[in-house]
Amino acid sequence: MDEKKFDVITFGRSSIDLYSQNVGSPFNDIQGFDAFVGGSPLNIAVGCARLGVNASLLTAVGNDKVGEFILNFLNGEGVNTHTIPVKYGTRSSAVVLGIEPPDKFPLVYYRDNAADSQVDIDDVDSANIADYRILLINGTALNVEPTRSATFYATEIANRNNVDVVLDLDFRADQWHDYRAFGLTVRAILPRVKIAIGTEEEILAATLIDASQVTIKEQQISAPEIKGDIDESIKQLLSSGIEILIVKRGEKGASIYQKDGSREDVPGFPVSVLNVLGAGDAFASGFLYGILQGWDLKKACRMGNASGAQVVTKKGCANFMPTLEESLKFIHEKGGF
């Protein structure tokens, strides 16, 4: 790669996250909440910064106290915030989350008139994407204008300037007017992407053409059940122009698929799960760290798995991302890379 001023810039949503203080309680019985920060690109930027990566976040906040809360946290974490404009007349996003292990984690988004959906082409110009080694884009940022066009524009700049584009699929069902629109938009941007990261459900959503394939699970609006042939979906995404597809498999680790048809499974780290929310973002931050170090894909995924495994034992996302020292110690104690 060319010499770049910064390591990684992540682009997309940011929010205040209100997590249930009553772990295990049904959502309707929650008595109080802890205030953290969240949003997949924000979580990834913080995770990268804690690992020592020079990371920036391209998002937007409203002229409100929630925006100040988000910026204050990011500044404290060493994430570059010069790429975060204040959008007057909008609101910083919020998410309310329940924690009901082992498999219920209901969440409600408050994203009407969301500031981060107003990031536009001018904001991308101001962010100087060409100064970075990696641009990470986010599926939810593709759901509305102007952030959709801004994302496409950011990838155009990246492709022209030797900046690797990584896509976090981040399918959030209730943020799309039609689930099929998610797949249509993702498939349009994939030719500009080098590496895509997602769960099996997100990969199925990215290739969805029949709405009858979708079943919404109770209290799991953001994680619908989608039927389909995962192997065919993986082949379809790999034929779109991307070089690498990373499939996150939770406690089983991750799988690396490449254009040549190869697959390599990378085992995870067994831990007791408290909260799965944010684990995928932690994986992405650890994986990006490894890529930036010049590691091979397996070792980078192993680092990602370690970050994810540590976060699932915690109550929140960005606030609990591991440091480099913590991750290397965790990996050593679990048998190494």
C-alpha atoms as a PDB file:
ATOM      1  CA  MET A   1       0.000   0.000   0.000  1.00  0.00           C
ATOM      2  CA  ASP A   2       0.977   3.634  -0.450  1.00  0.00           C
ATOM      3  CA  GLU A   3       1.979   5.563   2.643  1.00  0.00           C
ATOM      4  CA  LYS A   4      -1.205   6.872   4.208  1.00  0.00           C
ATOM      5  CA  LYS A   5      -1.800   9.446   6.918  1.00  0.00           C
ATOM      6  CA  PHE A   6      -4.390   7.340   8.789  1.00  0.00           C
ATOM      7  CA  ASP A   7      -5.235   3.646   9.134  1.00  0.00           C
ATOM      8  CA  VAL A   8      -9.008   3.225   8.931  1.00  0.00           C
ATOM      9  CA  ILE A   9     -12.149   5.316   8.596  1.00  0.00           C
ATOM     10  CA  THR A  10     -15.522   3.741   9.355  1.00  0.00           C
ATOM     11  CA  PHE A  11     -18.670   5.236   7.831  1.00  0.00           C
ATOM     12  CA  GLY A  12     -22.216   4.964   9.127  1.00  0.00           C
ATOM     13  CA  ARG A  13     -24.452   5.050  12.139  1.00  0.00           C
ATOM     14  CA  SER A  14     -23.753   6.196  15.684  1.00  0.00           C
ATOM     15  CA  SER A  15     -26.020   6.315  18.721  1.00  0.00           C
ATOM     16  CA  ILE A  16     -26.513   6.420  22.438  1.00  0.00           C
ATOM     17  CA  ASP A  17     -27.292   2.862  23.559  1.00  0.00           C
ATOM     18  CA  LEU A  18     -29.498   2.325  26.589  1.00  0.00           C
ATOM     19  CA  TYR A  19     -28.836  -1.206  27.883  1.00  0.00           C
ATOM     20  CA  SER A  20     -31.053  -2.974  30.378  1.00  0.00           C
ATOM     21  CA  GLN A  21     -29.614  -3.056  33.891  1.00  0.00           C
ATOM     22  CA  ASN A  22     -31.752  -6.115  34.605  1.00  0.00           C
ATOM     23  CA  VAL A  23     -29.984  -8.947  32.808  1.00  0.00           C
ATOM     24  CA  GLY A  24     -32.406 -11.789  32.190  1.00  0.00           C
ATOM     25  CA  SER A  25     -35.558  -9.737  32.746  1.00  0.00           C
ATOM     26  CA  PRO A  26     -38.209  -9.582  30.010  1.00  0.00           C
ATOM     27  CA  PHE A  27     -38.150  -6.243  28.215  1.00  0.00           C
ATOM     28  CA  ASN A  28     -41.434  -5.102  29.794  1.00  0.00           C
ATOM     29  CA  ASP A  29     -40.013  -5.653  33.287  1.00  0.00           C
ATOM     30  CA  ILE A  30     -36.827  -3.593  32.843  1.00  0.00           C
ATOM     31  CA  GLN A  31     -36.310  -1.227  35.800  1.00  0.00           C
ATOM     32  CA  GLY A  32     -33.404   0.849  34.523  1.00  0.00           C
ATOM     33  CA  PHE A  33     -30.818   1.360  31.791  1.00  0.00           C
ATOM     34  CA  ASP A  34     -27.080   1.993  31.498  1.00  0.00           C
ATOM     35  CA  ALA A  35     -26.074   4.677  28.984  1.00  0.00           C
ATOM     36  CA  PHE A  36     -23.376   3.514  26.560  1.00  0.00           C
ATOM     37  CA  VAL A  37     -22.633   4.364  22.924  1.00  0.00           C
ATOM     38  CA  GLY A  38     -23.178   2.225  19.858  1.00  0.00           C
ATOM     39  CA  GLY A  39     -23.813   1.870  16.167  1.00  0.00           C
ATOM     40  CA  SER A  40     -21.762  -0.656  14.217  1.00  0.00           C
ATOM     41  CA  PRO A  41     -19.256   1.772  12.566  1.00  0.00           C
ATOM     42  CA  LEU A  42     -18.774   3.591  15.882  1.00  0.00           C
ATOM     43  CA  ASN A  43     -18.170   0.311  17.699  1.00  0.00           C
ATOM     44  CA  ILE A  44     -15.636  -0.774  15.088  1.00  0.00           C
ATOM     45  CA  ALA A  45     -13.802   2.560  15.224  1.00  0.00           C
ATOM     46  CA  VAL A  46     -13.553   2.357  19.015  1.00  0.00           C
ATOM     47  CA  GLY A  47     -12.469  -1.290  18.859  1.00  0.00           C
ATOM     48  CA  CYS A  48      -9.736  -0.359  16.395  1.00  0.00           C
ATOM     49  CA  ALA A  49      -8.594   2.616  18.483  1.00  0.00           C
ATOM     50  CA  ARG A  50      -8.275   0.454  21.604  1.00  0.00           C
ATOM     51  CA  LEU A  51      -6.037  -1.896  19.630  1.00  0.00           C
ATOM     52  CA  GLY A  52      -3.774   1.024  18.718  1.00  0.00           C
ATOM     53  CA  VAL A  53      -5.132   1.736  15.239  1.00  0.00           C
ATOM     54  CA  ASN A  54      -5.346   5.353  14.031  1.00  0.00           C
ATOM     55  CA  ALA A  55      -9.101   5.332  13.429  1.00  0.00           C
ATOM     56  CA  SER A  56     -11.650   7.925  12.355  1.00  0.00           C
ATOM     57  CA  LEU A  57     -15.447   7.793  12.294  1.00  0.00           C
ATOM     58  CA  LEU A  58     -17.474   9.386   9.508  1.00  0.00           C
ATOM     59  CA  THR A  59     -20.932   9.868  10.950  1.00  0.00           C
ATOM     60  CA  ALA A  60     -23.043  12.832  12.072  1.00  0.00           C
ATOM     61  CA  VAL A  61     -24.719  13.933  15.276  1.00  0.00           C
ATOM     62  CA  GLY A  62     -27.486  16.370  16.016  1.00  0.00           C
ATOM     63  CA  ASN A  63     -27.096  19.676  17.835  1.00  0.00           C
ATOM     64  CA  ASP A  64     -28.198  17.983  21.050  1.00  0.00           C
ATOM     65  CA  LYS A  65     -26.936  16.546  24.323  1.00  0.00           C
ATOM     66  CA  VAL A  66     -26.907  13.012  22.937  1.00  0.00           C
ATOM     67  CA  GLY A  67     -24.528  14.166  20.205  1.00  0.00           C
ATOM     68  CA  GLU A  68     -22.292  15.757  22.839  1.00  0.00           C
ATOM     69  CA  PHE A  69     -22.389  12.493  24.807  1.00  0.00           C
ATOM     70  CA  ILE A  70     -21.277  10.504  21.751  1.00  0.00           C
ATOM     71  CA  LEU A  71     -18.493  12.934  20.809  1.00  0.00           C
ATOM     72  CA  ASN A  72     -17.216  13.122  24.377  1.00  0.00           C
ATOM     73  CA  PHE A  73     -16.883   9.339  24.508  1.00  0.00           C
ATOM     74  CA  LEU A  74     -15.141   9.127  21.132  1.00  0.00           C
ATOM     75  CA  ASN A  75     -12.672  11.873  22.018  1.00  0.00           C
ATOM     76  CA  GLY A  76     -11.851  10.067  25.224  1.00  0.00           C
ATOM     77  CA  GLU A  77     -11.152   6.884  23.261  1.00  0.00           C
ATOM     78  CA  GLY A  78      -8.800   8.564  20.808  1.00  0.00           C
ATOM     79  CA  VAL A  79     -11.074   8.146  17.793  1.00  0.00           C
ATOM     80  CA  ASN A  80     -10.624  11.013  15.313  1.00  0.00           C
ATOM     81  CA  THR A  81     -13.834  13.064  15.355  1.00  0.00           C
ATOM     82  CA  HIS A  82     -12.856  15.770  12.857  1.00  0.00           C
ATOM     83  CA  THR A  83     -14.907  13.801  10.305  1.00  0.00           C
ATOM     84  CA  ILE A  84     -18.151  14.099  12.321  1.00  0.00           C
ATOM     85  CA  PRO A  85     -20.323  17.091  11.368  1.00  0.00           C
ATOM     86  CA  VAL A  86     -23.190  18.433  13.472  1.00  0.00           C
ATOM     87  CA  LYS A  87     -26.435  18.341  11.476  1.00  0.00           C
ATOM     88  CA  TYR A  88     -28.795  21.063  12.655  1.00  0.00           C
ATOM     89  CA  GLY A  89     -32.470  20.155  12.585  1.00  0.00           C
ATOM     90  CA  THR A  90     -31.763  16.443  13.120  1.00  0.00           C
ATOM     91  CA  ARG A  91     -31.460  14.182  16.156  1.00  0.00           C
ATOM     92  CA  SER A  92     -28.624  11.953  17.265  1.00  0.00           C
ATOM     93  CA  SER A  93     -29.758   8.336  17.179  1.00  0.00           C
ATOM     94  CA  ALA A  94     -30.733   6.184  20.151  1.00  0.00           C
ATOM     95  CA  VAL A  95     -31.216   2.459  20.724  1.00  0.00           C
ATOM     96  CA  VAL A  96     -32.915   0.726  23.666  1.00  0.00           C
ATOM     97  CA  LEU A  97     -31.752  -2.826  24.321  1.00  0.00           C
ATOM     98  CA  GLY A  98     -32.785  -5.750  26.486  1.00  0.00           C
ATOM     99  CA  ILE A  99     -30.488  -8.569  27.628  1.00  0.00           C
ATOM    100  CA  GLU A 100     -32.136 -11.977  28.015  1.00  0.00           C
ATOM    101  CA  PRO A 101     -29.434 -14.628  27.626  1.00  0.00           C
ATOM    102  CA  PRO A 102     -28.875 -16.988  25.954  1.00  0.00           C
ATOM    103  CA  ASP A 103     -30.795 -16.027  22.820  1.00  0.00           C
ATOM    104  CA  LYS A 104     -33.106 -13.027  23.355  1.00  0.00           C
ATOM    105  CA  PHE A 105     -31.660  -9.565  22.889  1.00  0.00           C
ATOM    106  CA  PRO A 106     -34.603  -7.347  21.853  1.00  0.00           C
ATOM    107  CA  LEU A 107     -33.736  -3.857  20.649  1.00  0.00           C
ATOM    108  CA  VAL A 108     -35.656  -0.793  19.518  1.00  0.00           C
ATOM    109  CA  TYR A 109     -34.164   1.850  17.215  1.00  0.00           C
ATOM    110  CA  TYR A 110     -34.975   5.561  17.410  1.00  0.00           C
ATOM    111  CA  ARG A 111     -33.754   6.810  14.056  1.00  0.00           C
ATOM    112  CA  ASP A 112     -36.482   9.132  12.793  1.00  0.00           C
ATOM    113  CA  ASN A 113     -34.690  12.150  11.306  1.00  0.00           C
ATOM    114  CA  ALA A 114     -31.376  10.552  12.283  1.00  0.00           C
ATOM    115  CA  ALA A 115     -28.348  12.811  11.994  1.00  0.00           C
ATOM    116  CA  ASP A 116     -26.112  10.015  10.693  1.00  0.00           C
ATOM    117  CA  SER A 117     -28.506   9.464   7.777  1.00  0.00           C
ATOM    118  CA  GLN A 118     -27.783  13.047   6.664  1.00  0.00           C
ATOM    119  CA  VAL A 119     -24.087  12.526   5.931  1.00  0.00           C
ATOM    120  CA  ASP A 120     -23.742  13.796   2.362  1.00  0.00           C
ATOM    121  CA  ILE A 121     -21.268  13.998  -0.504  1.00  0.00           C
ATOM    122  CA  ASP A 122     -19.745  17.222   0.854  1.00  0.00           C
ATOM    123  CA  ASP A 123     -19.086  15.510   4.187  1.00  0.00           C
ATOM    124  CA  VAL A 124     -17.295  12.698   2.351  1.00  0.00           C
ATOM    125  CA  ASP A 125     -15.139  15.256   0.537  1.00  0.00           C
ATOM    126  CA  SER A 126     -14.266  16.860   3.873  1.00  0.00           C
ATOM    127  CA  ALA A 127     -13.272  13.481   5.331  1.00  0.00           C
ATOM    128  CA  ASN A 128     -10.365  13.041   2.870  1.00  0.00           C
ATOM    129  CA  ILE A 129     -10.911   9.298   2.320  1.00  0.00           C
ATOM    130  CA  ALA A 130      -7.736   9.130   0.211  1.00  0.00           C
ATOM    131  CA  ASP A 131      -5.667   9.619   3.388  1.00  0.00           C
ATOM    132  CA  TYR A 132      -6.657   6.194   4.765  1.00  0.00           C
ATOM    133  CA  ARG A 133      -5.511   2.624   4.224  1.00  0.00           C
ATOM    134  CA  ILE A 134      -8.985   1.157   4.760  1.00  0.00           C
ATOM    135  CA  LEU A 135     -12.523   2.490   4.341  1.00  0.00           C
ATOM    136  CA  LEU A 136     -15.171   0.463   6.155  1.00  0.00           C
ATOM    137  CA  ILE A 137     -18.707   1.058   4.939  1.00  0.00           C
ATOM    138  CA  ASN A 138     -21.937  -0.111   6.500  1.00  0.00           C
ATOM    139  CA  GLY A 139     -25.108  -1.655   5.106  1.00  0.00           C
ATOM    140  CA  THR A 140     -27.506   0.499   7.095  1.00  0.00           C
ATOM    141  CA  ALA A 141     -25.970   3.673   5.644  1.00  0.00           C
ATOM    142  CA  LEU A 142     -27.321   2.538   2.267  1.00  0.00           C
ATOM    143  CA  ASN A 143     -30.975   2.630   3.310  1.00  0.00           C
ATOM    144  CA  VAL A 144     -31.821   6.310   2.613  1.00  0.00           C
ATOM    145  CA  GLU A 145     -30.527   9.443   0.940  1.00  0.00           C
ATOM    146  CA  PRO A 146     -28.249  11.341   1.248  1.00  0.00           C
ATOM    147  CA  THR A 147     -26.120   8.793   3.104  1.00  0.00           C
ATOM    148  CA  ARG A 148     -26.654   6.208   0.350  1.00  0.00           C
ATOM    149  CA  SER A 149     -25.111   8.389  -2.351  1.00  0.00           C
ATOM    150  CA  ALA A 150     -22.423   9.501   0.085  1.00  0.00           C
ATOM    151  CA  THR A 151     -21.442   5.863   0.658  1.00  0.00           C
ATOM    152  CA  PHE A 152     -21.190   5.161  -3.061  1.00  0.00           C
ATOM    153  CA  TYR A 153     -19.146   8.338  -3.480  1.00  0.00           C
ATOM    154  CA  ALA A 154     -16.806   7.311  -0.652  1.00  0.00           C
ATOM    155  CA  THR A 155     -16.137   3.971  -2.357  1.00  0.00           C
ATOM    156  CA  GLU A 156     -15.470   5.760  -5.645  1.00  0.00           C
ATOM    157  CA  ILE A 157     -12.806   7.911  -3.977  1.00  0.00           C
ATOM    158  CA  ALA A 158     -11.349   4.863  -2.239  1.00  0.00           C
ATOM    159  CA  ASN A 159     -11.112   2.861  -5.461  1.00  0.00           C
ATOM    160  CA  ARG A 160      -9.296   5.726  -7.178  1.00  0.00           C
ATOM    161  CA  ASN A 161      -6.798   6.174  -4.350  1.00  0.00           C
ATOM    162  CA  ASN A 162      -5.652   2.673  -3.415  1.00  0.00           C
ATOM    163  CA  VAL A 163      -7.844   2.536  -0.306  1.00  0.00           C
ATOM    164  CA  ASP A 164      -9.197  -0.944   0.468  1.00  0.00           C
ATOM    165  CA  VAL A 165     -12.983  -1.001   0.901  1.00  0.00           C
ATOM    166  CA  VAL A 166     -14.470  -3.323   3.523  1.00  0.00           C
ATOM    167  CA  LEU A 167     -18.251  -3.728   3.779  1.00  0.00           C
ATOM    168  CA  ASP A 168     -19.982  -4.680   7.019  1.00  0.00           C
ATOM    169  CA  LEU A 169     -23.336  -5.963   5.736  1.00  0.00           C
ATOM    170  CA  ASP A 170     -25.156  -4.878   8.951  1.00  0.00           C
ATOM    171  CA  PHE A 171     -28.688  -5.866   7.880  1.00  0.00           C
ATOM    172  CA  ARG A 172     -31.192  -4.176  10.206  1.00  0.00           C
ATOM    173  CA  ALA A 173     -34.601  -5.228   8.947  1.00  0.00           C
ATOM    174  CA  ASP A 174     -36.659  -2.401  10.434  1.00  0.00           C
ATOM    175  CA  GLN A 175     -34.441   0.196   8.722  1.00  0.00           C
ATOM    176  CA  TRP A 176     -35.581  -0.874   5.245  1.00  0.00           C
ATOM    177  CA  HIS A 177     -38.940  -0.254   3.588  1.00  0.00           C
ATOM    178  CA  ASP A 178     -38.515  -3.600   1.793  1.00  0.00           C
ATOM    179  CA  TYR A 179     -36.003  -6.303   2.734  1.00  0.00           C
ATOM    180  CA  ARG A 180     -35.327  -6.912  -0.942  1.00  0.00           C
ATOM    181  CA  ALA A 181     -34.144  -3.313  -1.274  1.00  0.00           C
ATOM    182  CA  PHE A 182     -31.271  -4.138   1.069  1.00  0.00           C
ATOM    183  CA  GLY A 183     -30.012  -6.842  -1.265  1.00  0.00           C
ATOM    184  CA  LEU A 184     -30.477  -4.747  -4.386  1.00  0.00           C
ATOM    185  CA  THR A 185     -28.457  -1.889  -2.926  1.00  0.00           C
ATOM    186  CA  VAL A 186     -25.735  -4.097  -1.473  1.00  0.00           C
ATOM    187  CA  ARG A 187     -25.315  -5.944  -4.762  1.00  0.00           C
ATOM    188  CA  ALA A 188     -24.932  -2.597  -6.522  1.00  0.00           C
ATOM    189  CA  ILE A 189     -22.038  -1.529  -4.300  1.00  0.00           C
ATOM    190  CA  LEU A 190     -20.225  -4.890  -4.055  1.00  0.00           C
ATOM    191  CA  PRO A 191     -18.141  -4.380  -7.236  1.00  0.00           C
ATOM    192  CA  ARG A 192     -16.413  -1.529  -5.365  1.00  0.00           C
ATOM    193  CA  VAL A 193     -15.712  -3.697  -2.288  1.00  0.00           C
ATOM    194  CA  LYS A 194     -12.634  -5.843  -1.578  1.00  0.00           C
ATOM    195  CA  ILE A 195     -13.778  -7.624   1.591  1.00  0.00           C
ATOM    196  CA  ALA A 196     -17.351  -8.168   2.821  1.00  0.00           C
ATOM    197  CA  ILE A 197     -18.194  -9.299   6.352  1.00  0.00           C
ATOM    198  CA  GLY A 198     -21.531 -10.682   7.526  1.00  0.00           C
ATOM    199  CA  THR A 199     -23.482 -13.401   9.261  1.00  0.00           C
ATOM    200  CA  GLU A 200     -25.259 -16.143   7.325  1.00  0.00           C
ATOM    201  CA  GLU A 201     -28.545 -14.275   7.830  1.00  0.00           C
ATOM    202  CA  GLU A 202     -27.067 -11.083   6.420  1.00  0.00           C
ATOM    203  CA  ILE A 203     -25.635 -12.916   3.425  1.00  0.00           C
ATOM    204  CA  LEU A 204     -29.025 -14.484   2.723  1.00  0.00           C
ATOM    205  CA  ALA A 205     -30.600 -11.019   3.004  1.00  0.00           C
ATOM    206  CA  ALA A 206     -28.060  -9.640   0.532  1.00  0.00           C
ATOM    207  CA  THR A 207     -29.256 -12.134  -2.084  1.00  0.00           C
ATOM    208  CA  LEU A 208     -32.957 -12.068  -1.195  1.00  0.00           C
ATOM    209  CA  ILE A 209     -35.388 -11.785  -4.113  1.00  0.00           C
ATOM    210  CA  ASP A 210     -38.542 -13.386  -2.677  1.00  0.00           C
ATOM    211  CA  ALA A 211     -40.251 -11.754   0.316  1.00  0.00           C
ATOM    212  CA  SER A 212     -41.875 -15.083   1.242  1.00  0.00           C
ATOM    213  CA  GLN A 213     -38.414 -16.263   2.343  1.00  0.00           C
ATOM    214  CA  VAL A 214     -38.574 -13.940   5.364  1.00  0.00           C
ATOM    215  CA  THR A 215     -40.127 -14.705   8.740  1.00  0.00           C
ATOM    216  CA  ILE A 216     -39.939 -12.103  11.500  1.00  0.00           C
ATOM    217  CA  LYS A 217     -39.188 -13.689  14.849  1.00  0.00           C
ATOM    218  CA  GLU A 218     -40.972 -12.389  17.921  1.00  0.00           C
ATOM    219  CA  GLN A 219     -39.107  -9.490  19.580  1.00  0.00           C
ATOM    220  CA  GLN A 220     -36.235  -9.887  17.112  1.00  0.00           C
ATOM    221  CA  ILE A 221     -37.169  -7.274  14.534  1.00  0.00           C
ATOM    222  CA  SER A 222     -33.569  -6.665  13.492  1.00  0.00           C
ATOM    223  CA  ALA A 223     -32.813 -10.369  13.016  1.00  0.00           C
ATOM    224  CA  PRO A 224     -35.477 -11.945  10.778  1.00  0.00           C
ATOM    225  CA  GLU A 225     -35.348 -15.585   9.854  1.00  0.00           C
ATOM    226  CA  ILE A 226     -34.490 -15.832   6.160  1.00  0.00           C
ATOM    227  CA  LYS A 227     -34.710 -19.087   4.277  1.00  0.00           C
ATOM    228  CA  GLY A 228     -32.367 -19.884   1.431  1.00  0.00           C
ATOM    229  CA  ASP A 229     -29.330 -21.801   0.251  1.00  0.00           C
ATOM    230  CA  ILE A 230     -26.392 -20.205   2.058  1.00  0.00           C
ATOM    231  CA  ASP A 231     -23.816 -21.836  -0.209  1.00  0.00           C
ATOM    232  CA  GLU A 232     -25.494 -20.402  -3.297  1.00  0.00           C
ATOM    233  CA  SER A 233     -25.751 -16.979  -1.651  1.00  0.00           C
ATOM    234  CA  ILE A 234     -22.050 -17.039  -0.826  1.00  0.00           C
ATOM    235  CA  LYS A 235     -21.213 -17.968  -4.436  1.00  0.00           C
ATOM    236  CA  GLN A 236     -23.418 -15.134  -5.701  1.00  0.00           C
ATOM    237  CA  LEU A 237     -21.683 -12.528  -3.540  1.00  0.00           C
ATOM    238  CA  LEU A 238     -18.235 -13.805  -4.511  1.00  0.00           C
ATOM    239  CA  SER A 239     -19.167 -13.515  -8.188  1.00  0.00           C
ATOM    240  CA  SER A 240     -20.035  -9.830  -7.721  1.00  0.00           C
ATOM    241  CA  GLY A 241     -16.435  -8.637  -7.735  1.00  0.00           C
ATOM    242  CA  ILE A 242     -15.370  -8.891  -4.087  1.00  0.00           C
ATOM    243  CA  GLU A 243     -12.169 -10.790  -3.373  1.00  0.00           C
ATOM    244  CA  ILE A 244     -12.981 -12.115   0.096  1.00  0.00           C
ATOM    245  CA  LEU A 245     -16.140 -12.892   2.068  1.00  0.00           C
ATOM    246  CA  ILE A 246     -15.851 -13.378   5.830  1.00  0.00           C
ATOM    247  CA  VAL A 247     -18.785 -15.258   7.357  1.00  0.00           C
ATOM    248  CA  LYS A 248     -19.199 -14.668  11.094  1.00  0.00           C
ATOM    249  CA  ARG A 249     -20.428 -17.830  12.822  1.00  0.00           C
ATOM    250  CA  GLY A 250     -20.678 -16.772  16.471  1.00  0.00           C
ATOM    251  CA  GLU A 251     -19.166 -19.230  18.923  1.00  0.00           C
ATOM    252  CA  LYS A 252     -17.998 -21.384  15.991  1.00  0.00           C
ATOM    253  CA  GLY A 253     -15.677 -18.592  14.845  1.00  0.00           C
ATOM    254  CA  ALA A 254     -15.553 -17.433  11.240  1.00  0.00           C
ATOM    255  CA  SER A 255     -15.121 -18.789   7.719  1.00  0.00           C
ATOM    256  CA  ILE A 256     -13.018 -17.245   4.966  1.00  0.00           C
ATOM    257  CA  TYR A 257     -14.299 -17.604   1.403  1.00  0.00           C
ATOM    258  CA  GLN A 258     -12.250 -16.432  -1.569  1.00  0.00           C
ATOM    259  CA  LYS A 259     -12.959 -15.933  -5.263  1.00  0.00           C
ATOM    260  CA  ASP A 260     -11.065 -19.090  -6.168  1.00  0.00           C
ATOM    261  CA  GLY A 261     -13.716 -21.129  -4.335  1.00  0.00           C
ATOM    262  CA  SER A 262     -11.574 -21.899  -1.296  1.00  0.00           C
ATOM    263  CA  ARG A 263     -12.962 -21.969   2.235  1.00  0.00           C
ATOM    264  CA  GLU A 264     -11.064 -21.886   5.507  1.00  0.00           C
ATOM    265  CA  ASP A 265     -12.759 -22.178   8.890  1.00  0.00           C
ATOM    266  CA  VAL A 266     -11.178 -20.293  11.777  1.00  0.00           C
ATOM    267  CA  PRO A 267     -12.239 -21.558  15.227  1.00  0.00           C
ATOM    268  CA  GLY A 268     -13.602 -19.252  17.882  1.00  0.00           C
ATOM    269  CA  PHE A 269     -12.861 -19.069  21.585  1.00  0.00           C
ATOM    270  CA  PRO A 270     -15.298 -20.769  23.991  1.00  0.00           C
ATOM    271  CA  VAL A 271     -16.692 -18.348  26.591  1.00  0.00           C
ATOM    272  CA  SER A 272     -19.859 -17.918  28.633  1.00  0.00           C
ATOM    273  CA  VAL A 273     -22.138 -15.551  26.716  1.00  0.00           C
ATOM    274  CA  LEU A 274     -23.835 -12.647  28.474  1.00  0.00           C
ATOM    275  CA  ASN A 275     -24.717 -10.390  25.530  1.00  0.00           C
ATOM    276  CA  VAL A 276     -24.125 -11.048  21.819  1.00  0.00           C
ATOM    277  CA  LEU A 277     -24.843  -7.463  20.742  1.00  0.00           C
ATOM    278  CA  GLY A 278     -21.656  -5.845  19.476  1.00  0.00           C
ATOM    279  CA  ALA A 279     -19.736  -9.098  19.119  1.00  0.00           C
ATOM    280  CA  GLY A 280     -19.679  -8.830  15.335  1.00  0.00           C
ATOM    281  CA  ASP A 281     -18.368  -5.272  15.548  1.00  0.00           C
ATOM    282  CA  ALA A 282     -15.642  -6.409  17.922  1.00  0.00           C
ATOM    283  CA  PHE A 283     -14.767  -9.140  15.419  1.00  0.00           C
ATOM    284  CA  ALA A 284     -14.462  -6.544  12.656  1.00  0.00           C
ATOM    285  CA  SER A 285     -12.141  -4.353  14.723  1.00  0.00           C
ATOM    286  CA  GLY A 286      -9.846  -7.247  15.574  1.00  0.00           C
ATOM    287  CA  PHE A 287      -9.895  -8.454  11.971  1.00  0.00           C
ATOM    288  CA  LEU A 288      -9.047  -4.989  10.632  1.00  0.00           C
ATOM    289  CA  TYR A 289      -6.205  -4.717  13.128  1.00  0.00           C
ATOM    290  CA  GLY A 290      -4.745  -7.942  11.770  1.00  0.00           C
ATOM    291  CA  ILE A 291      -5.110  -6.824   8.146  1.00  0.00           C
ATOM    292  CA  LEU A 292      -3.381  -3.539   8.955  1.00  0.00           C
ATOM    293  CA  GLN A 293      -0.494  -5.491  10.517  1.00  0.00           C
ATOM    294  CA  GLY A 294      -0.086  -7.459   7.297  1.00  0.00           C
ATOM    295  CA  TRP A 295      -1.227 -10.727   8.874  1.00  0.00           C
ATOM    296  CA  ASP A 296      -2.754 -13.496   6.789  1.00  0.00           C
ATOM    297  CA  LEU A 297      -6.527 -13.835   6.759  1.00  0.00           C
ATOM    298  CA  LYS A 298      -6.617 -16.733   9.222  1.00  0.00           C
ATOM    299  CA  LYS A 299      -4.566 -14.932  11.862  1.00  0.00           C
ATOM    300  CA  ALA A 300      -6.611 -11.732  11.340  1.00  0.00           C
ATOM    301  CA  CYS A 301      -9.844 -13.696  11.813  1.00  0.00           C
ATOM    302  CA  ARG A 302      -8.426 -15.321  14.918  1.00  0.00           C
ATOM    303  CA  MET A 303      -7.783 -11.839  16.311  1.00  0.00           C
ATOM    304  CA  GLY A 304     -11.333 -10.909  15.368  1.00  0.00           C
ATOM    305  CA  ASN A 305     -12.701 -13.984  17.093  1.00  0.00           C
ATOM    306  CA  ALA A 306     -10.774 -13.050  20.241  1.00  0.00           C
ATOM    307  CA  SER A 307     -12.233  -9.538  20.281  1.00  0.00           C
ATOM    308  CA  GLY A 308     -15.748 -10.888  19.780  1.00  0.00           C
ATOM    309  CA  ALA A 309     -15.349 -13.542  22.467  1.00  0.00           C
ATOM    310  CA  GLN A 310     -14.306 -10.943  25.029  1.00  0.00           C
ATOM    311  CA  VAL A 311     -17.187  -8.586  24.237  1.00  0.00           C
ATOM    312  CA  VAL A 312     -19.926 -11.252  24.514  1.00  0.00           C
ATOM    313  CA  THR A 313     -19.039 -11.586  28.191  1.00  0.00           C
ATOM    314  CA  LYS A 314     -19.830  -7.877  28.755  1.00  0.00           C
ATOM    315  CA  LYS A 315     -23.011  -5.819  29.006  1.00  0.00           C
ATOM    316  CA  GLY A 316     -22.399  -3.433  26.113  1.00  0.00           C
ATOM    317  CA  CYS A 317     -20.548  -2.803  22.852  1.00  0.00           C
ATOM    318  CA  ALA A 318     -18.087   0.058  22.310  1.00  0.00           C
ATOM    319  CA  ASN A 319     -17.578   0.686  26.014  1.00  0.00           C
ATOM    320  CA  PHE A 320     -16.203  -2.834  26.472  1.00  0.00           C
ATOM    321  CA  MET A 321     -13.964  -3.318  23.433  1.00  0.00           C
ATOM    322  CA  PRO A 322     -10.662  -4.988  24.442  1.00  0.00           C
ATOM    323  CA  THR A 323      -7.251  -3.354  24.327  1.00  0.00           C
ATOM    324  CA  LEU A 324      -4.371  -4.918  22.405  1.00  0.00           C
ATOM    325  CA  GLU A 325      -2.771  -6.100  25.642  1.00  0.00           C
ATOM    326  CA  GLU A 326      -6.035  -7.717  26.758  1.00  0.00           C
ATOM    327  CA  SER A 327      -6.561  -9.464  23.437  1.00  0.00           C
ATOM    328  CA  LEU A 328      -3.033 -10.826  23.165  1.00  0.00           C
ATOM    329  CA  LYS A 329      -3.208 -12.095  26.744  1.00  0.00           C
ATOM    330  CA  PHE A 330      -6.625 -13.672  26.071  1.00  0.00           C
ATOM    331  CA  ILE A 331      -5.341 -15.424  22.934  1.00  0.00           C
ATOM    332  CA  HIS A 332      -2.214 -16.653  24.734  1.00  0.00           C
ATOM    333  CA  GLU A 333      -4.290 -18.090  27.581  1.00  0.00           C
ATOM    334  CA  LYS A 334      -6.619 -19.804  25.097  1.00  0.00           C
ATOM    335  CA  GLY A 335      -3.868 -21.569  23.183  1.00  0.00           C
ATOM    336  CA  GLY A 336      -2.519 -18.875  20.864  1.00  0.00           C
ATOM    337  CA  PHE A 337      -3.223 -17.975  17.278  1.00  0.00           C
END
